[in-house]
């Protein structure tokens, strides 16, 4: 396939239109930009606040995508005398610059989330905030919420604490480079040759991540590996479809985020504070998951069982790593949708089936998700001994709105990925591809090609297909402007 594809339509304009059609405000108003423009780095920092610890001397670092500018999280790990590891996750204190009911807060609440189309990034907040004042960029002093958890050699939680702090990111790193370095490529991060302390820190972070993942697996947390293609743009032009692959660096950050979010939810629960939780209920199509396992010679219980499913997935990943992403995609589709919901203290309902988590919220991305910003305000009120800033009814309204916004964001992102993929495939009408069925509903039957990993609708010959089936498809039509790819059974 050609490395460069001239587009007969404006894909950037299409992204803005898709955002507006989905109810987002893709462009901040002039009044909002004027308000934000009055802020500077000192606006949210009170040098006389004794509740803020000064932790700038610690060797904080961040790992994210190469092009990420809205950095929400930094990490630091230290080894204790008894072999335990203290994991410290610093989260950007966005609330310090975005007070409740300010113009920026109203804009963030309206959008509910940042939307990453691959073509344009639509920030939940204006850029001056999310990529500058509140971003945990390298070399900048920033306010943060530190979520601290101490774990033993098996990843079991020994202690936790949450507090406000002043931090400084000393190394802004990227997933690909860190993964390559961990895999043995010493030249992937040249600066590490001159900083043995940072090199040791990264090794210790991976050790902590492995401990947390091992504890999660023992509890039944599911391990997925899906394939997703995102458009690669250069000067407003589509130049490639890149596959986002899981690697050792992503595993570290994912483990820390899961640990931090669970710790935050449990902390607020112990303080008697109602909060918004992220819930994934037991699979509504568990019987289909059982069928898929049976086809592979495996037996799962008749009732949903996270631990049994995790063990099945682990075996399949070991037996057939090449097709494991396709199996993962099938299971993810069958798990059902996630949602935000308000939870009262001592509620015993499991929040997150796929993480086997009793307590789980979103708190580690306040620049990108409105729920995380709300959770941050709940926590800061606890720390300050102040009244809670939201009533139960307000939290319930926010939870419902952010669930809907998250759903719409996923639709926009899928549409733009399809638009790019459709244009990428437009020169291959009539060719045949191997694929896996990813969805069957009243709206139609959908499948994803194994290479390139583009998803479309099966418009002919789809009878009898179900999620997880491996099929051979022929490409019949594409429309980048409408964002569709059509197949028929070959």
Foldseek 3Di string as FASTA:
>chain_A
DALFFDDPDQLLVLLVVLCVVLQADQDDDPVQVVVLVVDDLCQLDDVPDPQAAAPAPAAWADEAAPPDQQAFWIWFWDADPVRKIKIKIWGFQLCSSVPPPDSQLVQLLSLQFWFCQLLDTRWSGPCCRRRPNRGQDAPDWGKTKIWIFIAHQQRDTDDIDIGIYIYHHHYYHYPVLLLVVVVPPVPSDVCCVVPVPVVVRSVVLLSNLVSLVSVLLVLQAADAWAWDWHFHDDPSGTRDTDIDGDGSSNSSVVSVQFVRQLSLQVVCLVVFHKAKFKAQDAFPVVVVVQVLQVVVVHGDDPGGDRNRVRVSLVVCCVVPVPCSNLNRLLVVLRSDDMFIAIDGRPDQDQGYSNRSGRTGHHQRRVRGGVSNSLSSQQVVCVSVVHDRPDDNVRNGVSRVSSRSSVVSSVVSSLLSRLLSVLSVCQVPAFDKFKWFWNDDDPVATKIAGPPPGHIAGEPEPCPPHDGGDIFMWGWHHGDSSRRHTYIYGD
